[in-house]
PDB file of N, CA and C in Angstrom:
ATOM      1  N   MET A   1      63.905 -43.994-118.036  1.00  0.00           N
ATOM      2  CA  MET A   1      64.409 -43.335-117.015  1.00  0.00           C
ATOM      3  C   MET A   1      63.286 -43.206-115.968  1.00  0.00           C
ATOM      4  N   PHE A   2      62.131 -42.904-116.568  1.00  0.00           N
ATOM      5  CA  PHE A   2      61.075 -42.657-115.494  1.00  0.00           C
ATOM      6  C   PHE A   2      60.061 -43.898-115.618  1.00  0.00           C
ATOM      7  N   ASN A   3      60.613 -45.072-115.729  1.00  0.00           N
ATOM      8  CA  ASN A   3      59.697 -46.228-115.712  1.00  0.00           C
ATOM      9  C   ASN A   3      58.671 -46.323-114.634  1.00  0.00           C
ATOM     10  N   PHE A   4      59.232 -46.105-113.366  1.00  0.00           N
ATOM     11  CA  PHE A   4      58.383 -46.364-112.241  1.00  0.00           C
ATOM     12  C   PHE A   4      57.337 -45.361-112.064  1.00  0.00           C
ATOM     13  N   MET A   5      57.402 -44.106-112.765  1.00  0.00           N
ATOM     14  CA  MET A   5      56.513 -43.111-112.507  1.00  0.00           C
ATOM     15  C   MET A   5      55.632 -43.172-113.932  1.00  0.00           C
ATOM     16  N   PHE A   6      56.128 -43.384-115.009  1.00  0.00           N
ATOM     17  CA  PHE A   6      55.244 -43.377-116.345  1.00  0.00           C
ATOM     18  C   PHE A   6      55.663 -44.565-117.020  1.00  0.00           C
ATOM     19  N   PRO A   7      54.918 -45.680-116.655  1.00  0.00           N
ATOM     20  CA  PRO A   7      55.296 -46.989-117.472  1.00  0.00           C
ATOM     21  C   PRO A   7      54.742 -46.879-119.016  1.00  0.00           C
ATOM     22  N   PHE A   8      53.898 -46.117-119.248  1.00  0.00           N
ATOM     23  CA  PHE A   8      53.238 -45.964-120.826  1.00  0.00           C
ATOM     24  C   PHE A   8      54.291 -45.332-121.454  1.00  0.00           C
ATOM     25  N   LEU A   9      55.210 -44.356-121.040  1.00  0.00           N
ATOM     26  CA  LEU A   9      56.313 -43.820-121.752  1.00  0.00           C
ATOM     27  C   LEU A   9      57.257 -44.885-122.274  1.00  0.00           C
ATOM     28  N   ASP A  10      57.562 -45.904-121.551  1.00  0.00           N
ATOM     29  CA  ASP A  10      58.474 -47.074-121.794  1.00  0.00           C
ATOM     30  C   ASP A  10      57.903 -47.790-122.891  1.00  0.00           C
ATOM     31  N   GLU A  11      56.509 -47.933-122.858  1.00  0.00           N
ATOM     32  CA  GLU A  11      55.798 -48.900-123.954  1.00  0.00           C
ATOM     33  C   GLU A  11      55.850 -47.992-125.288  1.00  0.00           C
ATOM     34  N   ALA A  12      55.674 -46.674-125.051  1.00  0.00           N
ATOM     35  CA  ALA A  12      55.746 -45.882-126.438  1.00  0.00           C
ATOM     36  C   ALA A  12      57.096 -45.914-126.972  1.00  0.00           C
ATOM     37  N   ALA A  13      58.144 -45.709-126.217  1.00  0.00           N
ATOM     38  CA  ALA A  13      59.526 -45.732-126.573  1.00  0.00           C
ATOM     39  C   ALA A  13      59.813 -47.099-127.329  1.00  0.00           C
ATOM     40  N   ALA A  14      59.439 -48.202-126.697  1.00  0.00           N
ATOM     41  CA  ALA A  14      59.616 -49.389-127.199  1.00  0.00           C
ATOM     42  C   ALA A  14      58.950 -49.600-128.666  1.00  0.00           C
ATOM     43  N   GLY A  15      57.894 -49.089-128.682  1.00  0.00           N
ATOM     44  CA  GLY A  15      57.149 -49.151-129.976  1.00  0.00           C
ATOM     45  C   GLY A  15      57.843 -48.253-130.943  1.00  0.00           C
ATOM     46  N   ALA A  16      58.334 -47.072-130.444  1.00  0.00           N
ATOM     47  CA  ALA A  16      59.041 -46.286-131.602  1.00  0.00           C
ATOM     48  C   ALA A  16      60.299 -47.017-131.896  1.00  0.00           C
ATOM     49  N   ASP A  17      60.953 -47.642-131.057  1.00  0.00           N
ATOM     50  CA  ASP A  17      62.237 -48.371-131.421  1.00  0.00           C
ATOM     51  C   ASP A  17      61.980 -49.396-132.389  1.00  0.00           C
ATOM     52  N   ALA A  18      60.851 -50.250-132.174  1.00  0.00           N
ATOM     53  CA  ALA A  18      60.610 -51.277-133.119  1.00  0.00           C
ATOM     54  C   ALA A  18      60.260 -50.643-134.562  1.00  0.00           C
ATOM     55  N   ALA A  19      59.498 -49.557-134.523  1.00  0.00           N
ATOM     56  CA  ALA A  19      59.092 -48.855-135.736  1.00  0.00           C
ATOM     57  C   ALA A  19      60.370 -48.396-136.499  1.00  0.00           C
ATOM     58  N   ALA A  20      61.317 -47.878-135.674  1.00  0.00           N
ATOM     59  CA  ALA A  20      62.504 -47.355-136.280  1.00  0.00           C
ATOM     60  C   ALA A  20      63.379 -48.455-136.838  1.00  0.00           C
ATOM     61  N   GLY A  21      63.525 -49.526-136.267  1.00  0.00           N
ATOM     62  CA  GLY A  21      64.070 -50.775-136.733  1.00  0.00           C
ATOM     63  C   GLY A  21      63.573 -51.319-137.878  1.00  0.00           C
ATOM     64  N   SER A  22      62.254 -51.268-138.029  1.00  0.00           N
ATOM     65  CA  SER A  22      61.624 -51.965-139.211  1.00  0.00           C
ATOM     66  C   SER A  22      61.539 -51.035-140.325  1.00  0.00           C
ATOM     67  N   GLY A  23      62.055 -49.741-140.118  1.00  0.00           N
ATOM     68  CA  GLY A  23      61.924 -48.654-141.336  1.00  0.00           C
ATOM     69  C   GLY A  23      60.691 -47.864-141.271  1.00  0.00           C
ATOM     70  N   GLU A  24      59.784 -48.141-140.332  1.00  0.00           N
ATOM     71  CA  GLU A  24      58.512 -47.350-140.328  1.00  0.00           C
ATOM     72  C   GLU A  24      58.662 -46.133-139.535  1.00  0.00           C
ATOM     73  N   THR A  25      58.041 -44.993-139.794  1.00  0.00           N
ATOM     74  CA  THR A  25      58.159 -43.716-139.019  1.00  0.00           C
ATOM     75  C   THR A  25      56.675 -43.590-138.518  1.00  0.00           C
ATOM     76  N   GLY A  26      56.638 -42.582-137.522  1.00  0.00           N
ATOM     77  CA  GLY A  26      55.332 -42.204-136.747  1.00  0.00           C
ATOM     78  C   GLY A  26      55.228 -42.833-135.572  1.00  0.00           C
ATOM     79  N   GLY A  27      54.003 -43.050-134.990  1.00  0.00           N
ATOM     80  CA  GLY A  27      53.800 -43.483-133.682  1.00  0.00           C
ATOM     81  C   GLY A  27      53.750 -42.508-132.805  1.00  0.00           C
ATOM     82  N   LEU A  28      53.979 -42.681-131.452  1.00  0.00           N
ATOM     83  CA  LEU A  28      53.939 -41.719-130.296  1.00  0.00           C
ATOM     84  C   LEU A  28      55.363 -41.287-130.114  1.00  0.00           C
ATOM     85  N   GLY A  29      56.289 -41.418-130.763  1.00  0.00           N
ATOM     86  CA  GLY A  29      57.641 -41.013-130.454  1.00  0.00           C
ATOM     87  C   GLY A  29      57.768 -39.456-130.264  1.00  0.00           C
ATOM     88  N   PHE A  30      56.963 -38.809-131.009  1.00  0.00           N
ATOM     89  CA  PHE A  30      57.039 -37.230-130.930  1.00  0.00           C
ATOM     90  C   PHE A  30      56.553 -36.707-129.566  1.00  0.00           C
ATOM     91  N   LEU A  31      55.708 -37.461-128.901  1.00  0.00           N
ATOM     92  CA  LEU A  31      55.156 -37.143-127.653  1.00  0.00           C
ATOM     93  C   LEU A  31      56.041 -37.138-126.413  1.00  0.00           C
ATOM     94  N   ASN A  32      57.104 -37.932-126.567  1.00  0.00           N
ATOM     95  CA  ASN A  32      58.013 -38.126-125.341  1.00  0.00           C
ATOM     96  C   ASN A  32      58.538 -36.728-125.006  1.00  0.00           C
ATOM     97  N   PRO A  33      59.129 -35.822-125.976  1.00  0.00           N
ATOM     98  CA  PRO A  33      59.650 -34.562-125.479  1.00  0.00           C
ATOM     99  C   PRO A  33      58.529 -33.565-125.096  1.00  0.00           C
ATOM    100  N   ILE A  34      57.434 -33.828-125.535  1.00  0.00           N
ATOM    101  CA  ILE A  34      56.302 -32.798-125.019  1.00  0.00           C
ATOM    102  C   ILE A  34      55.995 -33.095-123.737  1.00  0.00           C
ATOM    103  N   ILE A  35      55.764 -34.428-123.463  1.00  0.00           N
ATOM    104  CA  ILE A  35      55.363 -34.944-122.184  1.00  0.00           C
ATOM    105  C   ILE A  35      56.382 -34.285-121.131  1.00  0.00           C
ATOM    106  N   MET A  36      57.687 -34.647-121.375  1.00  0.00           N
ATOM    107  CA  MET A  36      58.713 -34.169-120.533  1.00  0.00           C
ATOM    108  C   MET A  36      58.784 -32.824-120.158  1.00  0.00           C
ATOM    109  N   ILE A  37      58.531 -31.936-121.377  1.00  0.00           N
ATOM    110  CA  ILE A  37      58.465 -30.436-121.250  1.00  0.00           C
ATOM    111  C   ILE A  37      57.188 -30.183-120.359  1.00  0.00           C
ATOM    112  N   ALA A  38      56.120 -30.782-120.525  1.00  0.00           N
ATOM    113  CA  ALA A  38      54.974 -30.494-119.588  1.00  0.00           C
ATOM    114  C   ALA A  38      55.187 -30.825-118.115  1.00  0.00           C
ATOM    115  N   ILE A  39      55.861 -32.060-117.935  1.00  0.00           N
ATOM    116  CA  ILE A  39      56.163 -32.336-116.578  1.00  0.00           C
ATOM    117  C   ILE A  39      57.093 -31.453-115.904  1.00  0.00           C
ATOM    118  N   PHE A  40      58.135 -30.979-116.691  1.00  0.00           N
ATOM    119  CA  PHE A  40      59.043 -29.972-116.138  1.00  0.00           C
ATOM    120  C   PHE A  40      58.249 -28.712-115.866  1.00  0.00           C
ATOM    121  N   GLY A  41      57.538 -28.255-116.729  1.00  0.00           N
ATOM    122  CA  GLY A  41      56.530 -27.078-116.302  1.00  0.00           C
ATOM    123  C   GLY A  41      55.739 -27.215-115.099  1.00  0.00           C
ATOM    124  N   LEU A  42      55.187 -28.274-114.817  1.00  0.00           N
ATOM    125  CA  LEU A  42      54.521 -28.409-113.762  1.00  0.00           C
ATOM    126  C   LEU A  42      55.261 -28.409-112.422  1.00  0.00           C
ATOM    127  N   LEU A  43      56.446 -29.018-112.503  1.00  0.00           N
ATOM    128  CA  LEU A  43      57.358 -29.079-111.366  1.00  0.00           C
ATOM    129  C   LEU A  43      57.757 -27.678-111.102  1.00  0.00           C
ATOM    130  N   MET A  44      58.279 -26.854-112.015  1.00  0.00           N
ATOM    131  CA  MET A  44      58.628 -25.589-111.829  1.00  0.00           C
ATOM    132  C   MET A  44      57.407 -24.765-111.090  1.00  0.00           C
ATOM    133  N   TYR A  45      56.167 -25.091-111.571  1.00  0.00           N
ATOM    134  CA  TYR A  45      55.133 -24.275-111.080  1.00  0.00           C
ATOM    135  C   TYR A  45      54.831 -24.691-109.658  1.00  0.00           C
ATOM    136  N   PHE A  46      54.925 -25.801-109.234  1.00  0.00           N
ATOM    137  CA  PHE A  46      54.692 -26.327-107.719  1.00  0.00           C
ATOM    138  C   PHE A  46      55.840 -26.239-106.902  1.00  0.00           C
ATOM    139  N   MET A  47      57.118 -26.067-107.442  1.00  0.00           N
ATOM    140  CA  MET A  47      58.190 -25.779-106.523  1.00  0.00           C
ATOM    141  C   MET A  47      58.776 -24.382-106.460  1.00  0.00           C
ATOM    142  N   LEU A  48      58.438 -23.556-107.517  1.00  0.00           N
ATOM    143  CA  LEU A  48      58.925 -22.158-107.470  1.00  0.00           C
ATOM    144  C   LEU A  48      57.757 -21.036-107.267  1.00  0.00           C
ATOM    145  N   TYR A  49      56.928 -21.153-108.299  1.00  0.00           N
ATOM    146  CA  TYR A  49      56.081 -20.019-108.376  1.00  0.00           C
ATOM    147  C   TYR A  49      54.808 -20.121-107.330  1.00  0.00           C
ATOM    148  N   ARG A  50      54.365 -21.192-106.978  1.00  0.00           N
ATOM    149  CA  ARG A  50      53.266 -21.341-106.057  1.00  0.00           C
ATOM    150  C   ARG A  50      53.720 -20.958-104.633  1.00  0.00           C
ATOM    151  N   PRO A  51      54.790 -21.357-104.050  1.00  0.00           N
ATOM    152  CA  PRO A  51      55.229 -21.096-102.805  1.00  0.00           C
ATOM    153  C   PRO A  51      55.529 -19.589-102.601  1.00  0.00           C
ATOM    154  N   GLN A  52      56.114 -18.731-103.728  1.00  0.00           N
ATOM    155  CA  GLN A  52      56.377 -17.549-103.895  1.00  0.00           C
ATOM    156  C   GLN A  52      55.096 -16.635-103.627  1.00  0.00           C
ATOM    157  N   LYS A  53      54.158 -17.083-104.326  1.00  0.00           N
ATOM    158  CA  LYS A  53      52.791 -16.437-104.315  1.00  0.00           C
ATOM    159  C   LYS A  53      52.149 -16.453-102.766  1.00  0.00           C
ATOM    160  N   LYS A  54      52.269 -17.685-102.341  1.00  0.00           N
ATOM    161  CA  LYS A  54      51.872 -17.958-100.897  1.00  0.00           C
ATOM    162  C   LYS A  54      52.527 -16.944 -99.948  1.00  0.00           C
ATOM    163  N   GLN A  55      53.824 -16.890-100.154  1.00  0.00           N
ATOM    164  CA  GLN A  55      54.596 -15.989 -99.238  1.00  0.00           C
ATOM    165  C   GLN A  55      54.271 -14.575 -99.345  1.00  0.00           C
ATOM    166  N   GLU A  56      54.100 -13.992-100.677  1.00  0.00           N
ATOM    167  CA  GLU A  56      53.596 -12.729-100.946  1.00  0.00           C
ATOM    168  C   GLU A  56      52.312 -12.371-100.387  1.00  0.00           C
ATOM    169  N   LYS A  57      51.368 -13.302-100.462  1.00  0.00           N
ATOM    170  CA  LYS A  57      50.074 -13.220 -99.872  1.00  0.00           C
ATOM    171  C   LYS A  57      50.146 -13.089 -98.521  1.00  0.00           C
ATOM    172  N   ALA A  58      50.958 -13.927 -97.660  1.00  0.00           N
ATOM    173  CA  ALA A  58      51.072 -13.801 -96.345  1.00  0.00           C
ATOM    174  C   ALA A  58      51.735 -12.359 -95.748  1.00  0.00           C
ATOM    175  N   VAL A  59      52.782 -11.933 -96.513  1.00  0.00           N
ATOM    176  CA  VAL A  59      53.397 -10.524 -96.255  1.00  0.00           C
ATOM    177  C   VAL A  59      52.381  -9.443 -96.465  1.00  0.00           C
ATOM    178  N   ASN A  60      51.604  -9.503 -97.450  1.00  0.00           N
ATOM    179  CA  ASN A  60      50.583  -8.478 -97.888  1.00  0.00           C
ATOM    180  C   ASN A  60      49.483  -8.338 -96.633  1.00  0.00           C
ATOM    181  N   GLU A  61      49.050  -9.608 -96.238  1.00  0.00           N
ATOM    182  CA  GLU A  61      48.098  -9.647 -95.138  1.00  0.00           C
ATOM    183  C   GLU A  61      48.670  -9.092 -93.855  1.00  0.00           C
ATOM    184  N   MET A  62      49.908  -9.395 -93.656  1.00  0.00           N
ATOM    185  CA  MET A  62      50.533  -8.925 -92.408  1.00  0.00           C
ATOM    186  C   MET A  62      50.745  -7.380 -92.510  1.00  0.00           C
ATOM    187  N   ARG A  63      51.089  -6.869 -93.653  1.00  0.00           N
ATOM    188  CA  ARG A  63      51.128  -5.376 -93.813  1.00  0.00           C
ATOM    189  C   ARG A  63      49.848  -4.556 -93.640  1.00  0.00           C
ATOM    190  N   SER A  64      48.630  -5.419 -94.170  1.00  0.00           N
ATOM    191  CA  SER A  64      47.426  -4.742 -94.349  1.00  0.00           C
ATOM    192  C   SER A  64      46.827  -4.690 -92.924  1.00  0.00           C
ATOM    193  N   GLY A  65      47.186  -5.655 -92.138  1.00  0.00           N
ATOM    194  CA  GLY A  65      46.628  -5.801 -90.653  1.00  0.00           C
ATOM    195  C   GLY A  65      47.317  -5.106 -89.636  1.00  0.00           C
ATOM    196  N   LEU A  66      48.317  -4.134 -90.031  1.00  0.00           N
ATOM    197  CA  LEU A  66      48.969  -3.232 -88.929  1.00  0.00           C
ATOM    198  C   LEU A  66      48.155  -2.435 -88.246  1.00  0.00           C
ATOM    199  N   LYS A  67      48.295  -2.332 -86.947  1.00  0.00           N
ATOM    200  CA  LYS A  67      47.579  -1.320 -86.174  1.00  0.00           C
ATOM    201  C   LYS A  67      48.334  -0.441 -85.311  1.00  0.00           C
ATOM    202  N   VAL A  68      47.748   0.607 -84.853  1.00  0.00           N
ATOM    203  CA  VAL A  68      48.478   1.550 -84.071  1.00  0.00           C
ATOM    204  C   VAL A  68      48.941   0.800 -82.761  1.00  0.00           C
ATOM    205  N   GLY A  69      50.138   0.868 -82.286  1.00  0.00           N
ATOM    206  CA  GLY A  69      50.481   0.021 -81.084  1.00  0.00           C
ATOM    207  C   GLY A  69      51.324  -1.224 -81.297  1.00  0.00           C
ATOM    208  N   ASP A  70      51.129  -1.645 -82.535  1.00  0.00           N
ATOM    209  CA  ASP A  70      52.066  -2.801 -82.811  1.00  0.00           C
ATOM    210  C   ASP A  70      53.565  -2.467 -82.932  1.00  0.00           C
ATOM    211  N   GLU A  71      54.368  -3.302 -82.236  1.00  0.00           N
ATOM    212  CA  GLU A  71      55.816  -3.180 -82.428  1.00  0.00           C
ATOM    213  C   GLU A  71      56.246  -3.858 -83.710  1.00  0.00           C
ATOM    214  N   ILE A  72      57.076  -3.232 -84.462  1.00  0.00           N
ATOM    215  CA  ILE A  72      57.476  -3.865 -85.817  1.00  0.00           C
ATOM    216  C   ILE A  72      59.046  -3.681 -85.905  1.00  0.00           C
ATOM    217  N   SER A  73      59.472  -4.444 -86.966  1.00  0.00           N
ATOM    218  CA  SER A  73      60.804  -4.248 -87.324  1.00  0.00           C
ATOM    219  C   SER A  73      60.956  -4.086 -88.948  1.00  0.00           C
ATOM    220  N   THR A  74      61.708  -3.139 -89.327  1.00  0.00           N
ATOM    221  CA  THR A  74      61.752  -2.792 -90.793  1.00  0.00           C
ATOM    222  C   THR A  74      62.948  -3.719 -91.518  1.00  0.00           C
ATOM    223  N   ASN A  75      62.825  -3.537 -92.780  1.00  0.00           N
ATOM    224  CA  ASN A  75      63.877  -4.338 -93.530  1.00  0.00           C
ATOM    225  C   ASN A  75      65.249  -3.589 -93.180  1.00  0.00           C
ATOM    226  N   GLY A  76      65.403  -2.509 -92.801  1.00  0.00           N
ATOM    227  CA  GLY A  76      66.719  -1.846 -92.408  1.00  0.00           C
ATOM    228  C   GLY A  76      67.096  -2.178 -90.948  1.00  0.00           C
ATOM    229  N   GLY A  77      66.206  -2.855 -90.140  1.00  0.00           N
ATOM    230  CA  GLY A  77      66.647  -3.342 -88.860  1.00  0.00           C
ATOM    231  C   GLY A  77      66.123  -2.344 -87.790  1.00  0.00           C
ATOM    232  N   ILE A  78      65.257  -1.431 -88.003  1.00  0.00           N
ATOM    233  CA  ILE A  78      64.810  -0.399 -87.126  1.00  0.00           C
ATOM    234  C   ILE A  78      63.699  -1.069 -86.412  1.00  0.00           C
ATOM    235  N   LEU A  79      63.733  -1.016 -85.050  1.00  0.00           N
ATOM    236  CA  LEU A  79      62.501  -1.340 -84.263  1.00  0.00           C
ATOM    237  C   LEU A  79      61.992  -0.380 -83.725  1.00  0.00           C
ATOM    238  N   GLY A  80      60.349  -0.424 -83.778  1.00  0.00           N
ATOM    239  CA  GLY A  80      59.556   0.638 -83.189  1.00  0.00           C
ATOM    240  C   GLY A  80      58.214   0.218 -83.068  1.00  0.00           C
ATOM    241  N   LYS A  81      57.388   1.222 -82.244  1.00  0.00           N
ATOM    242  CA  LYS A  81      56.083   1.063 -82.253  1.00  0.00           C
ATOM    243  C   LYS A  81      55.250   2.100 -83.023  1.00  0.00           C
ATOM    244  N   ILE A  82      54.189   1.566 -83.779  1.00  0.00           N
ATOM    245  CA  ILE A  82      53.422   2.178 -84.637  1.00  0.00           C
ATOM    246  C   ILE A  82      52.430   3.241 -83.764  1.00  0.00           C
ATOM    247  N   ILE A  83      52.738   4.610 -84.136  1.00  0.00           N
ATOM    248  CA  ILE A  83      51.832   5.516 -83.471  1.00  0.00           C
ATOM    249  C   ILE A  83      50.927   6.294 -84.504  1.00  0.00           C
ATOM    250  N   GLN A  84      51.182   6.116 -85.680  1.00  0.00           N
ATOM    251  CA  GLN A  84      50.136   6.642 -86.681  1.00  0.00           C
ATOM    252  C   GLN A  84      50.325   5.814 -88.095  1.00  0.00           C
ATOM    253  N   ILE A  85      49.199   5.704 -88.725  1.00  0.00           N
ATOM    254  CA  ILE A  85      49.120   4.859 -89.863  1.00  0.00           C
ATOM    255  C   ILE A  85      48.523   5.901 -91.027  1.00  0.00           C
ATOM    256  N   LYS A  86      48.989   6.014 -92.111  1.00  0.00           N
ATOM    257  CA  LYS A  86      48.454   6.709 -93.260  1.00  0.00           C
ATOM    258  C   LYS A  86      48.435   5.745 -94.293  1.00  0.00           C
ATOM    259  N   ASP A  87      48.023   6.239 -95.495  1.00  0.00           N
ATOM    260  CA  ASP A  87      47.851   5.182 -96.676  1.00  0.00           C
ATOM    261  C   ASP A  87      48.988   4.260 -96.836  1.00  0.00           C
ATOM    262  N   ASP A  88      49.973   4.869 -97.202  1.00  0.00           N
ATOM    263  CA  ASP A  88      51.229   4.142 -97.553  1.00  0.00           C
ATOM    264  C   ASP A  88      52.498   4.352 -96.662  1.00  0.00           C
ATOM    265  N   CYS A  89      52.118   5.183 -95.491  1.00  0.00           N
ATOM    266  CA  CYS A  89      53.080   5.282 -94.655  1.00  0.00           C
ATOM    267  C   CYS A  89      52.724   5.096 -93.275  1.00  0.00           C
ATOM    268  N   LEU A  90      53.793   5.054 -92.467  1.00  0.00           N
ATOM    269  CA  LEU A  90      53.622   4.673 -90.991  1.00  0.00           C
ATOM    270  C   LEU A  90      54.480   5.827 -90.317  1.00  0.00           C
ATOM    271  N   VAL A  91      54.158   6.077 -89.015  1.00  0.00           N
ATOM    272  CA  VAL A  91      54.959   6.914 -88.198  1.00  0.00           C
ATOM    273  C   VAL A  91      55.204   5.992 -86.994  1.00  0.00           C
ATOM    274  N   ILE A  92      56.441   5.733 -86.656  1.00  0.00           N
ATOM    275  CA  ILE A  92      56.848   4.836 -85.689  1.00  0.00           C
ATOM    276  C   ILE A  92      57.681   5.514 -84.565  1.00  0.00           C
ATOM    277  N   GLU A  93      57.670   5.128 -83.439  1.00  0.00           N
ATOM    278  CA  GLU A  93      58.389   5.761 -82.374  1.00  0.00           C
ATOM    279  C   GLU A  93      59.483   4.702 -81.941  1.00  0.00           C
ATOM    280  N   THR A  94      60.696   5.220 -81.756  1.00  0.00           N
ATOM    281  CA  THR A  94      61.928   4.327 -81.537  1.00  0.00           C
ATOM    282  C   THR A  94      62.622   4.760 -80.311  1.00  0.00           C
ATOM    283  N   GLY A  95      63.097   3.803 -79.561  1.00  0.00           N
ATOM    284  CA  GLY A  95      64.064   4.256 -78.533  1.00  0.00           C
ATOM    285  C   GLY A  95      63.325   4.955 -77.303  1.00  0.00           C
ATOM    286  N   ASN A  96      64.131   5.194 -76.352  1.00  0.00           N
ATOM    287  CA  ASN A  96      63.774   5.747 -75.015  1.00  0.00           C
ATOM    288  C   ASN A  96      63.422   7.181 -75.231  1.00  0.00           C
ATOM    289  N   ASP A  97      64.113   7.829 -76.156  1.00  0.00           N
ATOM    290  CA  ASP A  97      63.933   9.287 -76.399  1.00  0.00           C
ATOM    291  C   ASP A  97      62.729   9.584 -77.319  1.00  0.00           C
ATOM    292  N   ARG A  98      61.970   8.501 -77.632  1.00  0.00           N
ATOM    293  CA  ARG A  98      60.736   8.706 -78.486  1.00  0.00           C
ATOM    294  C   ARG A  98      60.884   9.420 -79.753  1.00  0.00           C
ATOM    295  N   THR A  99      61.964   9.080 -80.469  1.00  0.00           N
ATOM    296  CA  THR A  99      62.195   9.690 -81.824  1.00  0.00           C
ATOM    297  C   THR A  99      61.080   9.049 -82.761  1.00  0.00           C
ATOM    298  N   LYS A 100      60.623   9.959 -83.530  1.00  0.00           N
ATOM    299  CA  LYS A 100      59.634   9.571 -84.554  1.00  0.00           C
ATOM    300  C   LYS A 100      60.253   9.488 -85.959  1.00  0.00           C
ATOM    301  N   LEU A 101      59.846   8.404 -86.583  1.00  0.00           N
ATOM    302  CA  LEU A 101      60.321   8.266 -88.007  1.00  0.00           C
ATOM    303  C   LEU A 101      59.142   7.839 -88.877  1.00  0.00           C
ATOM    304  N   LYS A 102      59.229   8.546 -90.054  1.00  0.00           N
ATOM    305  CA  LYS A 102      58.105   8.194 -90.991  1.00  0.00           C
ATOM    306  C   LYS A 102      58.639   7.233 -91.900  1.00  0.00           C
ATOM    307  N   ILE A 103      58.087   6.088 -92.089  1.00  0.00           N
ATOM    308  CA  ILE A 103      58.574   5.074 -93.036  1.00  0.00           C
ATOM    309  C   ILE A 103      57.426   4.573 -93.989  1.00  0.00           C
ATOM    310  N   ALA A 104      57.842   3.957 -95.107  1.00  0.00           N
ATOM    311  CA  ALA A 104      57.083   3.374 -96.135  1.00  0.00           C
ATOM    312  C   ALA A 104      56.437   1.999 -95.503  1.00  0.00           C
ATOM    313  N   LYS A 105      55.294   1.677 -95.913  1.00  0.00           N
ATOM    314  CA  LYS A 105      54.633   0.442 -95.307  1.00  0.00           C
ATOM    315  C   LYS A 105      55.180  -0.882 -96.040  1.00  0.00           C
ATOM    316  N   TRP A 106      55.745  -0.678 -97.129  1.00  0.00           N
ATOM    317  CA  TRP A 106      56.481  -1.851 -97.709  1.00  0.00           C
ATOM    318  C   TRP A 106      57.634  -2.273 -96.993  1.00  0.00           C
ATOM    319  N   SER A 107      58.175  -1.300 -96.279  1.00  0.00           N
ATOM    320  CA  SER A 107      59.483  -1.611 -95.597  1.00  0.00           C
ATOM    321  C   SER A 107      59.400  -2.314 -94.253  1.00  0.00           C
ATOM    322  N   VAL A 108      58.120  -2.759 -93.879  1.00  0.00           N
ATOM    323  CA  VAL A 108      57.831  -3.426 -92.649  1.00  0.00           C
ATOM    324  C   VAL A 108      58.288  -4.825 -92.907  1.00  0.00           C
ATOM    325  N   ARG A 109      59.166  -5.363 -92.195  1.00  0.00           N
ATOM    326  CA  ARG A 109      59.593  -6.961 -92.249  1.00  0.00           C
ATOM    327  C   ARG A 109      58.659  -7.797 -91.507  1.00  0.00           C
ATOM    328  N   ALA A 110      58.461  -7.538 -90.405  1.00  0.00           N
ATOM    329  CA  ALA A 110      57.754  -8.311 -89.288  1.00  0.00           C
ATOM    330  C   ALA A 110      57.105  -7.597 -88.177  1.00  0.00           C
ATOM    331  N   VAL A 111      55.976  -8.162 -87.664  1.00  0.00           N
ATOM    332  CA  VAL A 111      55.305  -7.536 -86.461  1.00  0.00           C
ATOM    333  C   VAL A 111      56.049  -8.454 -85.401  1.00  0.00           C
ATOM    334  N   GLU A 112      56.560  -7.641 -84.368  1.00  0.00           N
ATOM    335  CA  GLU A 112      57.334  -8.293 -83.373  1.00  0.00           C
ATOM    336  C   GLU A 112      56.255  -8.608 -82.176  1.00  0.00           C
ATOM    337  N   ARG A 113      55.378  -7.535 -81.789  1.00  0.00           N
ATOM    338  CA  ARG A 113      54.404  -7.843 -80.853  1.00  0.00           C
ATOM    339  C   ARG A 113      53.005  -7.019 -81.190  1.00  0.00           C
ATOM    340  N   ARG A 114      51.902  -7.658 -80.988  1.00  0.00           N
ATOM    341  CA  ARG A 114      50.732  -6.822 -81.301  1.00  0.00           C
ATOM    342  C   ARG A 114      50.277  -6.349 -80.084  1.00  0.00           C
ATOM    343  N   GLU A 115      49.404  -5.117 -80.198  1.00  0.00           N
ATOM    344  CA  GLU A 115      48.849  -4.532 -78.974  1.00  0.00           C
ATOM    345  C   GLU A 115      47.873  -5.419 -78.241  1.00  0.00           C
ATOM    346  N   GLU A 116      47.105  -6.341 -78.928  1.00  0.00           N
ATOM    347  CA  GLU A 116      46.157  -7.042 -78.439  1.00  0.00           C
ATOM    348  C   GLU A 116      46.972  -8.159 -77.472  1.00  0.00           C
ATOM    349  N   GLU A 117      48.082  -8.560 -77.742  1.00  0.00           N
ATOM    350  CA  GLU A 117      48.874  -9.643 -76.921  1.00  0.00           C
ATOM    351  C   GLU A 117      49.263  -8.863 -75.580  1.00  0.00           C
ATOM    352  N   ASP A 118      49.528  -7.672 -75.611  1.00  0.00           N
ATOM    353  CA  ASP A 118      49.996  -6.997 -74.441  1.00  0.00           C
ATOM    354  C   ASP A 118      48.751  -6.926 -73.580  1.00  0.00           C
ATOM    355  N   ASP A 119      47.570  -6.584 -73.999  1.00  0.00           N
ATOM    356  CA  ASP A 119      46.386  -6.397 -73.259  1.00  0.00           C
ATOM    357  C   ASP A 119      46.025  -7.912 -72.679  1.00  0.00           C
ATOM    358  N   GLU A 120      46.152  -9.074 -73.344  1.00  0.00           N
ATOM    359  CA  GLU A 120      45.801 -10.288 -72.783  1.00  0.00           C
ATOM    360  C   GLU A 120      46.897 -10.615 -71.587  1.00  0.00           C
ATOM    361  N   ASP A 121      48.124 -10.258 -71.857  1.00  0.00           N
ATOM    362  CA  ASP A 121      49.144 -10.539 -70.726  1.00  0.00           C
ATOM    363  C   ASP A 121      48.759  -9.755 -69.539  1.00  0.00           C
ATOM    364  N   ASP A 122      48.372  -8.634 -69.634  1.00  0.00           N
ATOM    365  CA  ASP A 122      48.026  -7.859 -68.552  1.00  0.00           C
ATOM    366  C   ASP A 122      46.741  -8.433 -67.755  1.00  0.00           C
ATOM    367  N   ASP A 123      45.800  -8.921 -68.441  1.00  0.00           N
ATOM    368  CA  ASP A 123      44.728  -9.558 -67.922  1.00  0.00           C
ATOM    369  C   ASP A 123      44.952 -10.729 -67.097  1.00  0.00           C
ATOM    370  N   GLU A 124      46.074 -11.603 -67.607  1.00  0.00           N
ATOM    371  CA  GLU A 124      46.346 -12.723 -66.857  1.00  0.00           C
ATOM    372  C   GLU A 124      47.127 -12.528 -65.474  1.00  0.00           C
ATOM    373  N   GLU A 125      47.728 -11.404 -65.354  1.00  0.00           N
ATOM    374  CA  GLU A 125      48.483 -11.133 -64.150  1.00  0.00           C
ATOM    375  C   GLU A 125      47.667 -10.691 -62.978  1.00  0.00           C
TER     376      GLU A 125
END
């Protein structure tokens, strides 16, 4: 099945078949399932676990890099500007009427615009 990737498995299987046909037991026949399980485990690691950890790391860096003046969006869809940062909480200002909301830091989904970018745009004009 995996001849093109693992030619040695084909040789081991052929040896096991020959041993089974002649009545002999042993050889490397018991390694085939172990090797396949190991390959499956590596595939699961590289396709599921590793990308998830990268994404979590990026989100944690984004949340730890929040500053006063950043415009954010929350998991609930609220858009606002950060006016105060405490340990695990943020106070944001939303809308034209300047409503203040206290939210948890973990609820920040994305930074829409950073304060530094606004300063750079003003300098260019």
